[in-house]
């Protein structure tokens, strides 16, 4: 095996890793290149950044709401894991029992599984309802997050003009967080959003 660099063929060693980086945020390569290499794009998407910024603004404006949202995500994952464990135990019982109706332990496992799964189903229904309410409350702050996300992608393009104009994502998020604290408070959501936008811009 050889590696072709320009016009030169170099012997290739399997222990050798060849890594290339580019300063382009979203590079496009010909299909014949893309099929031979692994491309990793570390640039955040507009939607992903908007979600992160929404989390920051909601956490600062309404910390209880953000905490509740995070708890629901954790509880949802735990409930899914429990259901998977129940399914596994049922399959294991059915597989290892020759006579399920005569196996007292098997019947107990099935009955317990039914009770637990119904309890989880109720919890999930309540969680979904609560999550909708939280998402509705979070939606109010979405315009601020989207506008800030758009601004980040505008200033990230400035690096194409001159490398001096480079801003890290962490720096940008810190500025965003500081502007939330510095913006004038207001009980009216619409006015508060205006204050947040004018402070950050």
Protein backbone atom coordinates (compact mmCIF):
# COMPACT_ATOMS: atom_id res chain seq x y z
CA UNK A 1 0.00 0.00 0.00
CA UNK A 2 1.20 3.48 -0.83
CA UNK A 3 0.11 7.02 -0.06
CA UNK A 4 0.28 9.49 -2.96
CA UNK A 5 1.35 13.00 -1.99
CA UNK A 6 1.49 15.17 -5.09
CA UNK A 7 3.48 13.13 -7.63
CA UNK A 8 5.30 11.04 -5.01
CA UNK A 9 4.24 7.58 -3.81
CA UNK A 10 5.19 6.87 -0.19
CA UNK A 11 5.08 3.41 1.44
CA UNK A 12 2.12 3.25 3.80
CA UNK A 13 2.32 1.78 7.31
CA UNK A 14 -0.93 0.63 9.00
CA UNK A 15 0.22 2.26 12.27
CA UNK A 16 0.44 5.62 10.52
CA UNK A 17 -2.47 8.09 10.81
CA UNK A 18 -2.67 10.96 8.36
CA UNK A 19 -4.74 13.90 9.61
CA UNK A 20 -5.56 17.03 7.65
CA UNK A 21 -7.32 20.11 8.96
CA UNK A 22 -8.87 23.04 7.17
CA UNK A 23 -9.89 26.49 8.33
CA UNK A 24 -13.11 26.27 6.30
CA UNK A 25 -16.10 25.82 8.60
CA UNK A 26 -18.04 23.51 6.28
CA UNK A 27 -15.75 22.15 3.57
CA UNK A 28 -17.01 20.21 0.55
CA UNK A 29 -14.86 17.59 -1.15
CA UNK A 30 -15.26 15.60 -4.34
CA UNK A 31 -17.06 12.23 -3.88
CA UNK A 32 -13.89 10.29 -4.74
CA UNK A 33 -12.14 11.98 -1.78
CA UNK A 34 -15.09 11.69 0.60
CA UNK A 35 -15.35 7.91 0.09
CA UNK A 36 -11.68 7.35 1.03
CA UNK A 37 -11.46 9.48 4.17
CA UNK A 38 -13.36 10.14 7.38
CA UNK A 39 -14.58 13.74 7.52
CA UNK A 40 -15.26 15.25 10.94
CA UNK A 41 -16.98 18.63 11.03
CA UNK A 42 -16.52 20.28 14.43
CA UNK A 43 -18.52 23.39 13.50
CA UNK A 44 -21.75 23.75 15.45
CA UNK A 45 -25.00 24.05 13.50
CA UNK A 46 -27.26 27.08 13.75
CA UNK A 47 -30.04 24.99 15.30
CA UNK A 48 -27.66 23.38 17.81
CA UNK A 49 -26.29 26.75 18.91
CA UNK A 50 -29.79 28.18 19.14
CA UNK A 51 -30.78 25.34 21.51
CA UNK A 52 -27.69 25.93 23.66
CA UNK A 53 -28.35 29.66 23.87
CA UNK A 54 -32.01 29.02 24.66
CA UNK A 55 -30.90 26.81 27.56
CA UNK A 56 -28.63 29.61 28.82
CA UNK A 57 -31.25 32.35 28.63
CA UNK A 58 -33.96 30.21 30.26
CA UNK A 59 -31.54 29.14 33.00
CA UNK A 60 -30.79 32.80 33.77
CA UNK A 61 -34.35 34.07 33.42
CA UNK A 62 -36.17 31.13 35.00
CA UNK A 63 -33.74 28.70 36.69
CA UNK A 64 -36.53 26.48 38.07
CA UNK A 65 -37.90 25.89 34.58
CA UNK A 66 -34.52 24.86 33.18
CA UNK A 67 -33.86 22.56 36.17
CA UNK A 68 -37.27 20.95 35.72
CA UNK A 69 -36.58 20.41 32.01
CA UNK A 70 -33.25 18.73 32.77
CA UNK A 71 -34.86 16.51 35.44
CA UNK A 72 -37.53 15.40 32.98
CA UNK A 73 -34.88 14.41 30.44
CA UNK A 74 -33.05 12.35 33.10
CA UNK A 75 -36.28 10.74 34.37
CA UNK A 76 -37.31 9.89 30.80
CA UNK A 77 -33.99 8.12 30.20
CA UNK A 78 -34.29 6.25 33.50
CA UNK A 79 -37.83 5.11 32.66
CA UNK A 80 -36.69 3.82 29.27
CA UNK A 81 -33.90 1.88 30.97
CA UNK A 82 -36.38 0.35 33.45
CA UNK A 83 -38.69 -0.73 30.63
CA UNK A 84 -35.75 -2.31 28.83
CA UNK A 85 -34.79 -4.20 32.02
CA UNK A 86 -38.38 -5.44 32.39
CA UNK A 87 -38.47 -6.63 28.78
CA UNK A 88 -35.13 -8.41 29.26
CA UNK A 89 -36.31 -10.15 32.45
CA UNK A 90 -39.56 -11.27 30.75
CA UNK A 91 -37.64 -12.67 27.77
CA UNK A 92 -35.18 -14.39 30.10
CA UNK A 93 -38.06 -15.94 32.10
CA UNK A 94 -39.85 -17.15 28.98
CA UNK A 95 -36.66 -18.56 27.53
CA UNK A 96 -35.63 -20.48 30.67
CA UNK A 97 -39.04 -21.75 31.73
CA UNK A 98 -40.44 -24.96 30.23
CA UNK A 99 -43.87 -24.43 31.84
CA UNK A 100 -44.53 -20.72 32.46
CA UNK A 101 -47.99 -21.37 33.98
CA UNK A 102 -46.54 -23.76 36.57
CA UNK A 103 -43.55 -21.59 37.40
CA UNK A 104 -44.45 -19.44 40.45
CA UNK A 105 -41.32 -17.28 40.14
CA UNK A 106 -42.02 -16.67 36.45
CA UNK A 107 -45.63 -15.63 37.16
CA UNK A 108 -44.41 -13.27 39.94
CA UNK A 109 -41.92 -11.67 37.52
CA UNK A 110 -44.63 -11.18 34.88
CA UNK A 111 -47.07 -9.68 37.40
CA UNK A 112 -44.39 -7.36 38.80
CA UNK A 113 -43.41 -6.33 35.27
CA UNK A 114 -47.01 -5.39 34.49
CA UNK A 115 -47.32 -3.23 37.64
CA UNK A 116 -44.00 -1.47 37.04
CA UNK A 117 -44.68 -0.86 33.32
CA UNK A 118 -48.11 0.66 34.10
CA UNK A 119 -46.50 2.90 36.73
CA UNK A 120 -43.83 4.01 34.23
CA UNK A 121 -46.50 4.65 31.59
CA UNK A 122 -48.35 6.99 33.99
CA UNK A 123 -45.11 8.78 34.84
CA UNK A 124 -44.29 9.18 31.15
CA UNK A 125 -47.73 10.63 30.39
CA UNK A 126 -47.34 13.15 33.23
CA UNK A 127 -43.77 13.96 32.11
CA UNK A 128 -44.90 14.55 28.51
CA UNK A 129 -47.64 16.92 29.69
CA UNK A 130 -45.20 18.81 31.94
CA UNK A 131 -42.59 18.93 29.17
CA UNK A 132 -45.11 20.51 26.78
CA UNK A 133 -45.86 23.21 29.38
CA UNK A 134 -42.14 23.83 29.90
CA UNK A 135 -41.48 23.97 26.15
CA UNK A 136 -44.29 26.50 25.72
CA UNK A 137 -42.73 28.69 28.43
CA UNK A 138 -39.26 28.28 26.86
CA UNK A 139 -40.59 29.18 23.41
CA UNK A 140 -41.08 32.76 24.61
CA UNK A 141 -37.29 33.21 24.72
CA UNK A 142 -36.64 31.51 21.37
CA UNK A 143 -36.37 34.75 19.33
CA UNK A 144 -33.45 35.93 21.49
CA UNK A 145 -31.61 32.61 21.09
CA UNK A 146 -32.20 32.53 17.32
CA UNK A 147 -31.04 36.11 16.84
CA UNK A 148 -27.89 35.51 18.93
CA UNK A 149 -27.21 32.29 16.97
CA UNK A 150 -27.51 34.20 13.68
CA UNK A 151 -25.13 36.84 15.01
CA UNK A 152 -22.50 34.21 15.87
CA UNK A 153 -22.54 32.84 12.32
CA UNK A 154 -22.26 36.37 10.92
CA UNK A 155 -19.20 37.21 13.01
CA UNK A 156 -17.63 33.79 12.35
CA UNK A 157 -17.58 34.75 8.64
CA UNK A 158 -15.45 37.81 9.49
CA UNK A 159 -12.44 35.48 9.78
CA UNK A 160 -12.63 35.15 5.96
CA UNK A 161 -11.90 38.88 5.71
CA UNK A 162 -9.00 38.80 8.16
CA UNK A 163 -7.82 36.04 10.54
CA UNK A 164 -7.72 38.70 13.28
CA UNK A 165 -11.53 38.53 13.48
CA UNK A 166 -11.81 35.11 15.10
CA UNK A 167 -14.16 34.47 18.01
CA UNK A 168 -14.38 31.26 19.99
CA UNK A 169 -17.78 29.79 20.78
CA UNK A 170 -17.02 29.83 24.53
CA UNK A 171 -16.14 33.53 24.37
CA UNK A 172 -19.36 34.24 22.48
CA UNK A 173 -21.48 32.28 25.00
CA UNK A 174 -19.81 34.13 27.90
CA UNK A 175 -20.68 37.48 26.28
CA UNK A 176 -24.24 36.27 25.80
CA UNK A 177 -24.51 35.23 29.47
CA UNK A 178 -23.09 38.55 30.68
CA UNK A 179 -25.51 40.51 28.49
CA UNK A 180 -28.49 38.68 30.05
CA UNK A 181 -27.42 39.89 33.50
CA UNK A 182 -26.75 43.42 32.23
CA UNK A 183 -30.03 43.82 30.29
CA UNK A 184 -32.71 45.96 31.90
CA UNK A 185 -35.29 43.88 33.78
CA UNK A 186 -38.95 43.98 32.81
CA UNK A 187 -41.98 41.88 33.80
CA UNK A 188 -43.41 42.16 30.28
CA UNK A 189 -41.84 39.35 28.22
CA UNK A 190 -41.95 41.27 24.94
CA UNK A 191 -40.15 44.26 26.45
CA UNK A 192 -37.67 41.97 28.22
CA UNK A 193 -36.83 40.32 24.87
CA UNK A 194 -36.21 43.76 23.34
CA UNK A 195 -33.96 44.65 26.26
CA UNK A 196 -32.00 41.39 25.89
CA UNK A 197 -31.54 41.87 22.15
CA UNK A 198 -30.51 45.53 22.41
CA UNK A 199 -28.03 44.75 25.23
CA UNK A 200 -26.39 41.88 23.34
CA UNK A 201 -26.26 43.66 19.98
